[in-house]
């Protein structure tokens, strides 16, 4: 099969299309013929030299390595110990099922940039029938991140950046949620999930994204290139910050007392300031979860939540996809498409 591998760390130019053996599914795994692959920040972190996942002490991978975690495709073989069947309640999978999933995260062992991938069955969900593979591949990491921050963590593992497990804020009518970086992968899912819960949503992004975000349901839009959100909002119950960095702390001033700021990416905060303002700061590390992905899939099938696609590239153009990511201002998700091999396992 063809797969994109990293043989040495560096820029997008180190991504190389290779011929490698088709993997064998192990216990609890299925073999998936990949139709599309979502591109995510850990992919370029790995390419750039990060081999140890935050919170771990030992390297997770060695070179050469196939990056990627988000897939959509078709089950072509079952490994040992995989329940076979068609009952969603039993998590049974059958050859021919269309599936999507976030594979082996948190780790760098997803190996998704390939024509075939051996995937833990528990990390997969059936692809919504009304969703094509490109949009399905854009959903797992970003959608599950928003879900585990806002709806249900699904686990008690603390983030590497805090000692205690993350706990979502109860959302509903009368609650105000500010989403910073609302046009990006996690941000556009967070906006829609907060709206689904009945919250009033303030979207923060650059002006070019206003119509897009209002179409997704934003009640209010702030162009951060023209206005300071902390000067315009002072009654938020929750900030979901998908940007992070040293500027994160300014969003504390948008919160009412008792509010919370959730960090998708690390920020810089003064504990004395958060105590004085009477607010909390929390983070989470997304984890693979096929059951939660199935719940998100039902919202995608119903059209309650939509996946925005920034751009698509063939698998052989993974380098160009990473170059697009490096330019920033991404609207939704970047996805690799995988042409179907007519030989061998397929």
C-alpha atoms as a PDB file:
ATOM      1  CA  UNK A   1       0.000   0.000   0.000  1.00  0.00           C
ATOM      2  CA  UNK A   2       0.980   3.637  -0.234  1.00  0.00           C
ATOM      3  CA  UNK A   3       1.558   5.600   2.958  1.00  0.00           C
ATOM      4  CA  UNK A   4       3.037   8.959   3.843  1.00  0.00           C
ATOM      5  CA  UNK A   5       5.957   8.631   6.251  1.00  0.00           C
ATOM      6  CA  UNK A   6       8.295  10.923   8.143  1.00  0.00           C
ATOM      7  CA  UNK A   7      11.907   9.709   7.823  1.00  0.00           C
ATOM      8  CA  UNK A   8      13.452  12.784   9.422  1.00  0.00           C
ATOM      9  CA  UNK A   9      11.982  15.703  11.322  1.00  0.00           C
ATOM     10  CA  UNK A  10      11.543  19.030   9.634  1.00  0.00           C
ATOM     11  CA  UNK A  11       9.139  21.064   7.530  1.00  0.00           C
ATOM     12  CA  UNK A  12       6.409  19.805   5.207  1.00  0.00           C
ATOM     13  CA  UNK A  13       9.060  18.725   2.714  1.00  0.00           C
ATOM     14  CA  UNK A  14      10.018  15.717   4.890  1.00  0.00           C
ATOM     15  CA  UNK A  15       6.659  14.015   4.222  1.00  0.00           C
ATOM     16  CA  UNK A  16       7.394  11.198   1.761  1.00  0.00           C
ATOM     17  CA  UNK A  17       5.025   8.856  -0.080  1.00  0.00           C
ATOM     18  CA  UNK A  18       6.293   5.278   0.355  1.00  0.00           C
ATOM     19  CA  UNK A  19       5.274   1.716  -0.489  1.00  0.00           C
ATOM     20  CA  UNK A  20       4.856  -0.251   2.761  1.00  0.00           C
ATOM     21  CA  UNK A  21       3.169  -3.521   3.770  1.00  0.00           C
ATOM     22  CA  UNK A  22      -0.547  -3.527   4.534  1.00  0.00           C
ATOM     23  CA  UNK A  23      -0.851  -3.825   8.348  1.00  0.00           C
ATOM     24  CA  UNK A  24      -2.352  -6.893  10.017  1.00  0.00           C
ATOM     25  CA  UNK A  25      -5.155  -6.120  12.490  1.00  0.00           C
ATOM     26  CA  UNK A  26      -4.310  -7.321  15.984  1.00  0.00           C
ATOM     27  CA  UNK A  27      -6.627  -8.374  18.818  1.00  0.00           C
ATOM     28  CA  UNK A  28      -9.557  -5.976  19.077  1.00  0.00           C
ATOM     29  CA  UNK A  29      -8.636  -4.266  15.788  1.00  0.00           C
ATOM     30  CA  UNK A  30     -10.117  -4.079  12.310  1.00  0.00           C
ATOM     31  CA  UNK A  31      -8.449  -3.322   9.001  1.00  0.00           C
ATOM     32  CA  UNK A  32      -9.873  -0.184   7.396  1.00  0.00           C
ATOM     33  CA  UNK A  33      -9.492   0.759   3.756  1.00  0.00           C
ATOM     34  CA  UNK A  34      -9.012   4.495   4.133  1.00  0.00           C
ATOM     35  CA  UNK A  35     -11.023   6.935   2.030  1.00  0.00           C
ATOM     36  CA  UNK A  36     -10.082  10.189   3.781  1.00  0.00           C
ATOM     37  CA  UNK A  37      -7.787  11.412   6.568  1.00  0.00           C
ATOM     38  CA  UNK A  38      -8.198  14.466   8.776  1.00  0.00           C
ATOM     39  CA  UNK A  39      -5.133  16.682   9.256  1.00  0.00           C
ATOM     40  CA  UNK A  40      -4.562  17.827  12.856  1.00  0.00           C
ATOM     41  CA  UNK A  41      -1.965  19.790  14.868  1.00  0.00           C
ATOM     42  CA  UNK A  42      -0.342  16.638  16.376  1.00  0.00           C
ATOM     43  CA  UNK A  43       0.512  15.601  12.810  1.00  0.00           C
ATOM     44  CA  UNK A  44       2.735  18.628  12.264  1.00  0.00           C
ATOM     45  CA  UNK A  45       4.050  18.485  15.836  1.00  0.00           C
ATOM     46  CA  UNK A  46       5.263  14.940  15.100  1.00  0.00           C
ATOM     47  CA  UNK A  47       6.679  15.949  11.750  1.00  0.00           C
ATOM     48  CA  UNK A  48       8.495  18.841  13.386  1.00  0.00           C
ATOM     49  CA  UNK A  49      10.215  16.727  16.041  1.00  0.00           C
ATOM     50  CA  UNK A  50       7.840  16.015  18.914  1.00  0.00           C
ATOM     51  CA  UNK A  51       7.932  12.263  19.574  1.00  0.00           C
ATOM     52  CA  UNK A  52       6.844  12.218  23.230  1.00  0.00           C
ATOM     53  CA  UNK A  53       3.200  12.977  23.929  1.00  0.00           C
ATOM     54  CA  UNK A  54       2.672  15.604  26.667  1.00  0.00           C
ATOM     55  CA  UNK A  55       2.391  13.824  30.009  1.00  0.00           C
ATOM     56  CA  UNK A  56       4.580  10.903  28.916  1.00  0.00           C
ATOM     57  CA  UNK A  57       8.276  10.430  29.690  1.00  0.00           C
ATOM     58  CA  UNK A  58       9.328   8.061  26.913  1.00  0.00           C
ATOM     59  CA  UNK A  59       9.246   8.593  23.131  1.00  0.00           C
ATOM     60  CA  UNK A  60       6.040   7.253  21.611  1.00  0.00           C
ATOM     61  CA  UNK A  61       7.428   6.511  18.151  1.00  0.00           C
ATOM     62  CA  UNK A  62      10.642   6.039  16.208  1.00  0.00           C
ATOM     63  CA  UNK A  63      11.365   7.005  12.609  1.00  0.00           C
ATOM     64  CA  UNK A  64      10.182   6.325   9.997  1.00  0.00           C
ATOM     65  CA  UNK A  65       6.623   6.871  11.157  1.00  0.00           C
ATOM     66  CA  UNK A  66       3.221   7.251   9.487  1.00  0.00           C
ATOM     67  CA  UNK A  67       1.459  10.283  11.018  1.00  0.00           C
ATOM     68  CA  UNK A  68      -2.259  10.872  11.412  1.00  0.00           C
ATOM     69  CA  UNK A  69      -5.139   9.888  13.682  1.00  0.00           C
ATOM     70  CA  UNK A  70      -8.433  10.813  11.944  1.00  0.00           C
ATOM     71  CA  UNK A  71      -9.836   8.399   9.381  1.00  0.00           C
ATOM     72  CA  UNK A  72     -12.970   7.574   7.466  1.00  0.00           C
ATOM     73  CA  UNK A  73     -13.185   4.402   5.430  1.00  0.00           C
ATOM     74  CA  UNK A  74     -14.532   0.888   5.081  1.00  0.00           C
ATOM     75  CA  UNK A  75     -13.860  -2.188   7.224  1.00  0.00           C
ATOM     76  CA  UNK A  76     -12.237  -4.883   5.062  1.00  0.00           C
ATOM     77  CA  UNK A  77     -11.130  -7.406   7.712  1.00  0.00           C
ATOM     78  CA  UNK A  78     -11.681  -8.197  11.394  1.00  0.00           C
ATOM     79  CA  UNK A  79      -8.867  -9.050  13.767  1.00  0.00           C
ATOM     80  CA  UNK A  80      -9.174 -11.488  16.679  1.00  0.00           C
ATOM     81  CA  UNK A  81     -11.568 -10.625  19.506  1.00  0.00           C
ATOM     82  CA  UNK A  82     -13.648  -8.136  17.495  1.00  0.00           C
ATOM     83  CA  UNK A  83     -17.416  -8.562  17.962  1.00  0.00           C
ATOM     84  CA  UNK A  84     -18.958  -9.185  14.581  1.00  0.00           C
ATOM     85  CA  UNK A  85     -22.473  -8.039  13.814  1.00  0.00           C
ATOM     86  CA  UNK A  86     -24.630  -5.082  13.008  1.00  0.00           C
ATOM     87  CA  UNK A  87     -25.971  -4.071  16.401  1.00  0.00           C
ATOM     88  CA  UNK A  88     -24.733  -0.575  17.366  1.00  0.00           C
ATOM     89  CA  UNK A  89     -25.445  -1.408  21.011  1.00  0.00           C
ATOM     90  CA  UNK A  90     -22.980  -4.284  20.885  1.00  0.00           C
ATOM     91  CA  UNK A  91     -20.325  -2.180  19.103  1.00  0.00           C
ATOM     92  CA  UNK A  92     -20.197  -5.000  16.564  1.00  0.00           C
ATOM     93  CA  UNK A  93     -18.503  -4.258  13.265  1.00  0.00           C
ATOM     94  CA  UNK A  94     -18.798  -6.198  10.044  1.00  0.00           C
ATOM     95  CA  UNK A  95     -16.767  -6.266   6.855  1.00  0.00           C
ATOM     96  CA  UNK A  96     -18.217  -3.595   4.586  1.00  0.00           C
ATOM     97  CA  UNK A  97     -19.180  -1.185   7.391  1.00  0.00           C
ATOM     98  CA  UNK A  98     -18.344   2.461   6.735  1.00  0.00           C
ATOM     99  CA  UNK A  99     -16.615   3.832   9.822  1.00  0.00           C
ATOM    100  CA  UNK A 100     -14.804   6.893  11.115  1.00  0.00           C
ATOM    101  CA  UNK A 101     -12.624   7.403  14.143  1.00  0.00           C
ATOM    102  CA  UNK A 102      -9.839   9.016  16.148  1.00  0.00           C
ATOM    103  CA  UNK A 103      -7.130   6.346  16.403  1.00  0.00           C
ATOM    104  CA  UNK A 104      -4.901   5.673  19.423  1.00  0.00           C
ATOM    105  CA  UNK A 105      -4.978   9.163  20.845  1.00  0.00           C
ATOM    106  CA  UNK A 106      -3.235  10.411  22.919  1.00  0.00           C
ATOM    107  CA  UNK A 107      -0.290   8.893  21.057  1.00  0.00           C
ATOM    108  CA  UNK A 108       1.532   9.317  17.768  1.00  0.00           C
ATOM    109  CA  UNK A 109       0.693   5.760  16.657  1.00  0.00           C
ATOM    110  CA  UNK A 110      -2.468   6.402  14.665  1.00  0.00           C
ATOM    111  CA  UNK A 111      -0.742   5.702  11.311  1.00  0.00           C
ATOM    112  CA  UNK A 112      -3.666   7.202   9.373  1.00  0.00           C
ATOM    113  CA  UNK A 113      -1.844   8.741   6.379  1.00  0.00           C
ATOM    114  CA  UNK A 114      -2.155   5.499   4.418  1.00  0.00           C
ATOM    115  CA  UNK A 115      -4.386   3.458   2.130  1.00  0.00           C
ATOM    116  CA  UNK A 116      -5.052   0.964   4.949  1.00  0.00           C
ATOM    117  CA  UNK A 117      -4.878   1.226   8.725  1.00  0.00           C
ATOM    118  CA  UNK A 118      -5.284  -1.282  11.534  1.00  0.00           C
ATOM    119  CA  UNK A 119      -7.693   0.471  13.920  1.00  0.00           C
ATOM    120  CA  UNK A 120      -8.902  -0.414  17.420  1.00  0.00           C
ATOM    121  CA  UNK A 121     -12.579  -1.251  16.985  1.00  0.00           C
ATOM    122  CA  UNK A 122     -13.432   0.650  20.174  1.00  0.00           C
ATOM    123  CA  UNK A 123     -12.074   3.859  18.604  1.00  0.00           C
ATOM    124  CA  UNK A 124     -14.448   3.667  15.649  1.00  0.00           C
ATOM    125  CA  UNK A 125     -18.084   4.511  15.048  1.00  0.00           C
ATOM    126  CA  UNK A 126     -20.262   3.859  12.037  1.00  0.00           C
ATOM    127  CA  UNK A 127     -20.055   6.752   9.617  1.00  0.00           C
ATOM    128  CA  UNK A 128     -23.337   8.650   9.341  1.00  0.00           C
ATOM    129  CA  UNK A 129     -24.998   7.576   6.110  1.00  0.00           C
ATOM    130  CA  UNK A 130     -25.635  11.149   5.034  1.00  0.00           C
ATOM    131  CA  UNK A 131     -22.020  12.226   5.519  1.00  0.00           C
ATOM    132  CA  UNK A 132     -19.343  11.650   2.877  1.00  0.00           C
ATOM    133  CA  UNK A 133     -15.913  10.345   3.830  1.00  0.00           C
ATOM    134  CA  UNK A 134     -14.241  13.757   3.521  1.00  0.00           C
ATOM    135  CA  UNK A 135     -16.552  15.384   6.047  1.00  0.00           C
ATOM    136  CA  UNK A 136     -16.476  12.326   8.313  1.00  0.00           C
ATOM    137  CA  UNK A 137     -12.660  12.391   8.378  1.00  0.00           C
ATOM    138  CA  UNK A 138     -12.783  16.016   9.488  1.00  0.00           C
ATOM    139  CA  UNK A 139     -14.871  15.246  12.554  1.00  0.00           C
ATOM    140  CA  UNK A 140     -13.110  12.886  15.021  1.00  0.00           C
ATOM    141  CA  UNK A 141     -10.324  14.796  16.790  1.00  0.00           C
ATOM    142  CA  UNK A 142     -11.847  18.270  16.580  1.00  0.00           C
ATOM    143  CA  UNK A 143     -15.373  17.063  17.323  1.00  0.00           C
ATOM    144  CA  UNK A 144     -14.348  14.849  20.233  1.00  0.00           C
ATOM    145  CA  UNK A 145     -12.179  17.623  21.668  1.00  0.00           C
ATOM    146  CA  UNK A 146     -15.168  19.979  21.728  1.00  0.00           C
ATOM    147  CA  UNK A 147     -17.387  17.186  23.092  1.00  0.00           C
ATOM    148  CA  UNK A 148     -15.026  16.226  25.919  1.00  0.00           C
ATOM    149  CA  UNK A 149     -14.471  19.860  26.906  1.00  0.00           C
ATOM    150  CA  UNK A 150     -18.128  20.905  26.819  1.00  0.00           C
ATOM    151  CA  UNK A 151     -20.386  17.845  27.135  1.00  0.00           C
ATOM    152  CA  UNK A 152     -18.724  14.824  28.749  1.00  0.00           C
ATOM    153  CA  UNK A 153     -15.005  14.035  29.201  1.00  0.00           C
ATOM    154  CA  UNK A 154     -15.723  10.319  29.064  1.00  0.00           C
ATOM    155  CA  UNK A 155     -12.689   9.608  31.261  1.00  0.00           C
ATOM    156  CA  UNK A 156     -10.984  10.763  34.466  1.00  0.00           C
ATOM    157  CA  UNK A 157      -7.463  11.234  33.101  1.00  0.00           C
ATOM    158  CA  UNK A 158      -6.182  14.714  33.999  1.00  0.00           C
ATOM    159  CA  UNK A 159      -4.659  16.876  31.314  1.00  0.00           C
ATOM    160  CA  UNK A 160      -0.829  16.890  31.392  1.00  0.00           C
ATOM    161  CA  UNK A 161      -1.133  20.573  32.243  1.00  0.00           C
ATOM    162  CA  UNK A 162      -3.164  20.256  35.454  1.00  0.00           C
ATOM    163  CA  UNK A 163      -3.366  17.776  38.341  1.00  0.00           C
ATOM    164  CA  UNK A 164      -7.149  17.345  38.466  1.00  0.00           C
ATOM    165  CA  UNK A 165      -9.612  15.907  35.926  1.00  0.00           C
ATOM    166  CA  UNK A 166     -11.526  18.339  33.737  1.00  0.00           C
ATOM    167  CA  UNK A 167     -15.187  18.933  34.520  1.00  0.00           C
ATOM    168  CA  UNK A 168     -17.493  20.640  31.970  1.00  0.00           C
ATOM    169  CA  UNK A 169     -19.678  23.609  32.858  1.00  0.00           C
ATOM    170  CA  UNK A 170     -23.424  22.971  32.758  1.00  0.00           C
ATOM    171  CA  UNK A 171     -24.772  24.662  29.642  1.00  0.00           C
ATOM    172  CA  UNK A 172     -28.282  25.604  28.647  1.00  0.00           C
ATOM    173  CA  UNK A 173     -30.606  28.562  28.091  1.00  0.00           C
ATOM    174  CA  UNK A 174     -29.420  31.630  29.954  1.00  0.00           C
ATOM    175  CA  UNK A 175     -25.749  30.647  29.713  1.00  0.00           C
ATOM    176  CA  UNK A 176     -23.264  32.623  27.616  1.00  0.00           C
ATOM    177  CA  UNK A 177     -20.307  30.897  25.966  1.00  0.00           C
ATOM    178  CA  UNK A 178     -17.490  32.782  24.242  1.00  0.00           C
ATOM    179  CA  UNK A 179     -15.514  30.729  21.711  1.00  0.00           C
ATOM    180  CA  UNK A 180     -12.090  32.130  20.815  1.00  0.00           C
ATOM    181  CA  UNK A 181     -10.768  30.782  17.535  1.00  0.00           C
ATOM    182  CA  UNK A 182     -14.324  29.919  16.559  1.00  0.00           C
ATOM    183  CA  UNK A 183     -13.612  29.339  12.857  1.00  0.00           C
ATOM    184  CA  UNK A 184     -11.037  26.588  13.391  1.00  0.00           C
ATOM    185  CA  UNK A 185     -11.539  22.850  13.737  1.00  0.00           C
ATOM    186  CA  UNK A 186     -12.313  22.678  17.454  1.00  0.00           C
ATOM    187  CA  UNK A 187     -13.838  26.143  17.555  1.00  0.00           C
ATOM    188  CA  UNK A 188     -16.532  25.577  14.958  1.00  0.00           C
ATOM    189  CA  UNK A 189     -17.587  22.331  16.673  1.00  0.00           C
ATOM    190  CA  UNK A 190     -17.618  24.022  20.099  1.00  0.00           C
ATOM    191  CA  UNK A 191     -19.851  26.815  18.783  1.00  0.00           C
ATOM    192  CA  UNK A 192     -22.372  24.319  17.432  1.00  0.00           C
ATOM    193  CA  UNK A 193     -22.372  22.062  20.502  1.00  0.00           C
ATOM    194  CA  UNK A 194     -22.903  25.062  22.794  1.00  0.00           C
ATOM    195  CA  UNK A 195     -25.828  26.155  20.612  1.00  0.00           C
ATOM    196  CA  UNK A 196     -27.219  22.609  20.689  1.00  0.00           C
ATOM    197  CA  UNK A 197     -27.203  22.861  24.480  1.00  0.00           C
ATOM    198  CA  UNK A 198     -29.158  26.128  24.296  1.00  0.00           C
ATOM    199  CA  UNK A 199     -26.400  28.589  25.177  1.00  0.00           C
ATOM    200  CA  UNK A 200     -25.938  32.103  23.803  1.00  0.00           C
ATOM    201  CA  UNK A 201     -22.675  31.960  21.818  1.00  0.00           C
ATOM    202  CA  UNK A 202     -20.197  34.758  21.173  1.00  0.00           C
ATOM    203  CA  UNK A 203     -17.775  33.856  18.371  1.00  0.00           C
ATOM    204  CA  UNK A 204     -14.332  35.482  18.196  1.00  0.00           C
ATOM    205  CA  UNK A 205     -12.387  35.258  14.928  1.00  0.00           C
ATOM    206  CA  UNK A 206     -11.112  37.489  12.143  1.00  0.00           C
ATOM    207  CA  UNK A 207     -13.673  39.442  10.141  1.00  0.00           C
ATOM    208  CA  UNK A 208     -13.479  37.186   7.080  1.00  0.00           C
ATOM    209  CA  UNK A 209     -15.223  34.439   9.061  1.00  0.00           C
ATOM    210  CA  UNK A 210     -18.265  36.396  10.287  1.00  0.00           C
ATOM    211  CA  UNK A 211     -20.821  35.121   7.770  1.00  0.00           C
ATOM    212  CA  UNK A 212     -19.548  31.554   8.157  1.00  0.00           C
ATOM    213  CA  UNK A 213     -19.868  31.628  11.957  1.00  0.00           C
ATOM    214  CA  UNK A 214     -23.242  33.324  12.000  1.00  0.00           C
ATOM    215  CA  UNK A 215     -24.455  30.631   9.598  1.00  0.00           C
ATOM    216  CA  UNK A 216     -23.323  28.021  12.142  1.00  0.00           C
ATOM    217  CA  UNK A 217     -25.429  29.727  14.810  1.00  0.00           C
ATOM    218  CA  UNK A 218     -23.258  32.366  16.473  1.00  0.00           C
ATOM    219  CA  UNK A 219     -25.459  34.894  18.280  1.00  0.00           C
ATOM    220  CA  UNK A 220     -22.757  37.531  18.378  1.00  0.00           C
ATOM    221  CA  UNK A 221     -19.515  37.983  16.430  1.00  0.00           C
ATOM    222  CA  UNK A 222     -16.379  39.870  17.459  1.00  0.00           C
ATOM    223  CA  UNK A 223     -13.594  40.573  14.971  1.00  0.00           C
ATOM    224  CA  UNK A 224     -10.480  40.394  17.131  1.00  0.00           C
ATOM    225  CA  UNK A 225      -8.512  42.403  14.531  1.00  0.00           C
ATOM    226  CA  UNK A 226     -10.760  45.412  15.167  1.00  0.00           C
ATOM    227  CA  UNK A 227     -12.013  45.045  18.745  1.00  0.00           C
ATOM    228  CA  UNK A 228     -10.842  43.679  22.077  1.00  0.00           C
ATOM    229  CA  UNK A 229     -13.267  40.981  23.267  1.00  0.00           C
ATOM    230  CA  UNK A 230     -12.384  41.666  26.906  1.00  0.00           C
ATOM    231  CA  UNK A 231     -13.694  45.223  26.480  1.00  0.00           C
ATOM    232  CA  UNK A 232     -16.992  44.105  24.942  1.00  0.00           C
ATOM    233  CA  UNK A 233     -17.992  41.011  26.938  1.00  0.00           C
ATOM    234  CA  UNK A 234     -18.234  40.880  30.743  1.00  0.00           C
ATOM    235  CA  UNK A 235     -20.959  38.372  31.519  1.00  0.00           C
ATOM    236  CA  UNK A 236     -19.800  35.082  30.007  1.00  0.00           C
ATOM    237  CA  UNK A 237     -20.260  31.864  31.943  1.00  0.00           C
ATOM    238  CA  UNK A 238     -17.630  30.068  29.906  1.00  0.00           C
ATOM    239  CA  UNK A 239     -14.772  30.811  27.531  1.00  0.00           C
ATOM    240  CA  UNK A 240     -13.648  27.987  25.260  1.00  0.00           C
ATOM    241  CA  UNK A 241     -10.234  29.148  24.068  1.00  0.00           C
ATOM    242  CA  UNK A 242      -9.034  27.200  21.036  1.00  0.00           C
ATOM    243  CA  UNK A 243      -6.059  29.524  20.486  1.00  0.00           C
ATOM    244  CA  UNK A 244      -4.076  29.590  23.758  1.00  0.00           C
ATOM    245  CA  UNK A 245      -0.757  31.360  24.144  1.00  0.00           C
ATOM    246  CA  UNK A 246       0.223  34.343  26.292  1.00  0.00           C
ATOM    247  CA  UNK A 247      -2.867  36.327  25.262  1.00  0.00           C
ATOM    248  CA  UNK A 248      -5.238  33.805  26.829  1.00  0.00           C
ATOM    249  CA  UNK A 249      -5.454  35.497  30.200  1.00  0.00           C
ATOM    250  CA  UNK A 250      -7.187  38.573  28.764  1.00  0.00           C
ATOM    251  CA  UNK A 251     -10.319  36.461  28.277  1.00  0.00           C
ATOM    252  CA  UNK A 252     -10.635  36.054  32.050  1.00  0.00           C
ATOM    253  CA  UNK A 253     -12.045  39.579  32.055  1.00  0.00           C
ATOM    254  CA  UNK A 254     -14.986  38.465  29.892  1.00  0.00           C
ATOM    255  CA  UNK A 255     -16.183  36.060  32.616  1.00  0.00           C
ATOM    256  CA  UNK A 256     -18.655  36.659  35.400  1.00  0.00           C
ATOM    257  CA  UNK A 257     -17.664  35.517  38.884  1.00  0.00           C
ATOM    258  CA  UNK A 258     -17.963  31.750  39.072  1.00  0.00           C
ATOM    259  CA  UNK A 259     -17.211  31.419  35.359  1.00  0.00           C
ATOM    260  CA  UNK A 260     -14.570  29.243  33.747  1.00  0.00           C
ATOM    261  CA  UNK A 261     -12.086  29.372  30.917  1.00  0.00           C
ATOM    262  CA  UNK A 262     -11.318  26.103  29.126  1.00  0.00           C
ATOM    263  CA  UNK A 263      -7.995  25.845  27.297  1.00  0.00           C
ATOM    264  CA  UNK A 264      -7.629  23.655  24.242  1.00  0.00           C
ATOM    265  CA  UNK A 265      -4.019  24.836  23.933  1.00  0.00           C
ATOM    266  CA  UNK A 266      -1.812  25.950  26.860  1.00  0.00           C
ATOM    267  CA  UNK A 267      -1.962  29.555  28.006  1.00  0.00           C
ATOM    268  CA  UNK A 268      -0.269  31.705  30.631  1.00  0.00           C
ATOM    269  CA  UNK A 269      -2.176  32.609  33.780  1.00  0.00           C
ATOM    270  CA  UNK A 270      -1.565  34.178  37.182  1.00  0.00           C
ATOM    271  CA  UNK A 271      -3.244  32.109  39.934  1.00  0.00           C
ATOM    272  CA  UNK A 272      -3.660  35.243  42.043  1.00  0.00           C
ATOM    273  CA  UNK A 273      -5.564  36.943  39.229  1.00  0.00           C
ATOM    274  CA  UNK A 274      -7.919  34.004  38.697  1.00  0.00           C
ATOM    275  CA  UNK A 275      -8.571  33.846  42.450  1.00  0.00           C
ATOM    276  CA  UNK A 276      -9.235  37.578  42.620  1.00  0.00           C
ATOM    277  CA  UNK A 277     -11.674  37.380  39.704  1.00  0.00           C
ATOM    278  CA  UNK A 278     -13.405  34.341  41.191  1.00  0.00           C
ATOM    279  CA  UNK A 279     -13.018  32.223  38.050  1.00  0.00           C
ATOM    280  CA  UNK A 280     -11.400  28.905  37.211  1.00  0.00           C
ATOM    281  CA  UNK A 281      -9.171  27.673  34.400  1.00  0.00           C
ATOM    282  CA  UNK A 282      -9.280  24.081  33.165  1.00  0.00           C
ATOM    283  CA  UNK A 283      -7.890  21.933  30.376  1.00  0.00           C
ATOM    284  CA  UNK A 284      -8.419  18.431  29.013  1.00  0.00           C
ATOM    285  CA  UNK A 285      -6.600  16.025  26.714  1.00  0.00           C
ATOM    286  CA  UNK A 286      -8.839  14.462  24.120  1.00  0.00           C
ATOM    287  CA  UNK A 287      -8.971  10.653  24.052  1.00  0.00           C
ATOM    288  CA  UNK A 288     -10.236   8.204  21.468  1.00  0.00           C
ATOM    289  CA  UNK A 289     -13.821   7.197  22.203  1.00  0.00           C
ATOM    290  CA  UNK A 290     -15.971   5.387  19.658  1.00  0.00           C
ATOM    291  CA  UNK A 291     -19.095   5.597  21.818  1.00  0.00           C
ATOM    292  CA  UNK A 292     -18.919   9.385  22.051  1.00  0.00           C
ATOM    293  CA  UNK A 293     -18.127   9.616  18.355  1.00  0.00           C
ATOM    294  CA  UNK A 294     -21.321   7.650  17.640  1.00  0.00           C
ATOM    295  CA  UNK A 295     -23.269  10.252  19.665  1.00  0.00           C
ATOM    296  CA  UNK A 296     -21.634  13.046  17.682  1.00  0.00           C
ATOM    297  CA  UNK A 297     -22.400  11.086  14.526  1.00  0.00           C
ATOM    298  CA  UNK A 298     -26.114  11.219  15.297  1.00  0.00           C
ATOM    299  CA  UNK A 299     -25.913  15.018  15.479  1.00  0.00           C
ATOM    300  CA  UNK A 300     -24.011  15.069  12.197  1.00  0.00           C
ATOM    301  CA  UNK A 301     -26.601  12.804  10.570  1.00  0.00           C
ATOM    302  CA  UNK A 302     -29.403  15.069  11.759  1.00  0.00           C
ATOM    303  CA  UNK A 303     -27.640  18.210  10.521  1.00  0.00           C
ATOM    304  CA  UNK A 304     -27.566  19.624  14.052  1.00  0.00           C
ATOM    305  CA  UNK A 305     -23.781  19.830  13.772  1.00  0.00           C
ATOM    306  CA  UNK A 306     -21.897  20.344  10.524  1.00  0.00           C
ATOM    307  CA  UNK A 307     -18.282  19.767   9.526  1.00  0.00           C
ATOM    308  CA  UNK A 308     -16.681  22.648   7.645  1.00  0.00           C
ATOM    309  CA  UNK A 309     -13.946  21.696   5.173  1.00  0.00           C
ATOM    310  CA  UNK A 310     -11.221  24.258   4.626  1.00  0.00           C
ATOM    311  CA  UNK A 311      -9.503  22.334   1.817  1.00  0.00           C
ATOM    312  CA  UNK A 312      -8.742  18.852   0.515  1.00  0.00           C
ATOM    313  CA  UNK A 313      -5.555  17.356  -0.914  1.00  0.00           C
ATOM    314  CA  UNK A 314      -4.749  13.915  -2.320  1.00  0.00           C
ATOM    315  CA  UNK A 315      -2.700  11.699   0.008  1.00  0.00           C
ATOM    316  CA  UNK A 316       0.326  12.191  -2.253  1.00  0.00           C
ATOM    317  CA  UNK A 317       0.075  15.936  -1.573  1.00  0.00           C
ATOM    318  CA  UNK A 318       0.317  15.709   2.232  1.00  0.00           C
ATOM    319  CA  UNK A 319       3.185  18.181   2.002  1.00  0.00           C
ATOM    320  CA  UNK A 320       0.884  20.776   0.415  1.00  0.00           C
ATOM    321  CA  UNK A 321      -1.744  20.097   3.099  1.00  0.00           C
ATOM    322  CA  UNK A 322       0.790  20.818   5.839  1.00  0.00           C
ATOM    323  CA  UNK A 323       1.901  23.953   4.014  1.00  0.00           C
ATOM    324  CA  UNK A 324      -1.742  25.099   3.984  1.00  0.00           C
ATOM    325  CA  UNK A 325      -1.927  24.461   7.726  1.00  0.00           C
ATOM    326  CA  UNK A 326       1.215  26.510   8.343  1.00  0.00           C
ATOM    327  CA  UNK A 327      -0.422  29.581   6.790  1.00  0.00           C
ATOM    328  CA  UNK A 328      -3.106  29.628   9.514  1.00  0.00           C
ATOM    329  CA  UNK A 329      -6.567  31.206   9.373  1.00  0.00           C
ATOM    330  CA  UNK A 330      -8.041  27.760   8.709  1.00  0.00           C
ATOM    331  CA  UNK A 331     -11.821  27.559   8.338  1.00  0.00           C
ATOM    332  CA  UNK A 332     -12.850  24.138   9.597  1.00  0.00           C
ATOM    333  CA  UNK A 333     -10.708  21.150   8.639  1.00  0.00           C
ATOM    334  CA  UNK A 334      -8.016  20.170   6.144  1.00  0.00           C
ATOM    335  CA  UNK A 335      -8.543  16.650   4.770  1.00  0.00           C
ATOM    336  CA  UNK A 336      -6.468  14.234   2.697  1.00  0.00           C
ATOM    337  CA  UNK A 337      -8.347  12.100   0.155  1.00  0.00           C
ATOM    338  CA  UNK A 338      -7.199   8.568  -0.583  1.00  0.00           C
ATOM    339  CA  UNK A 339      -7.725   7.093  -4.053  1.00  0.00           C
ATOM    340  CA  UNK A 340      -8.912   3.492  -3.871  1.00  0.00           C
ATOM    341  CA  UNK A 341      -6.317   0.831  -4.581  1.00  0.00           C
ATOM    342  CA  UNK A 342      -7.752  -1.892  -6.836  1.00  0.00           C
ATOM    343  CA  UNK A 343      -5.124  -4.465  -5.912  1.00  0.00           C
ATOM    344  CA  UNK A 344      -4.406  -6.732  -2.982  1.00  0.00           C
ATOM    345  CA  UNK A 345      -6.594  -6.420   0.106  1.00  0.00           C
ATOM    346  CA  UNK A 346      -9.064  -4.098  -1.568  1.00  0.00           C
END
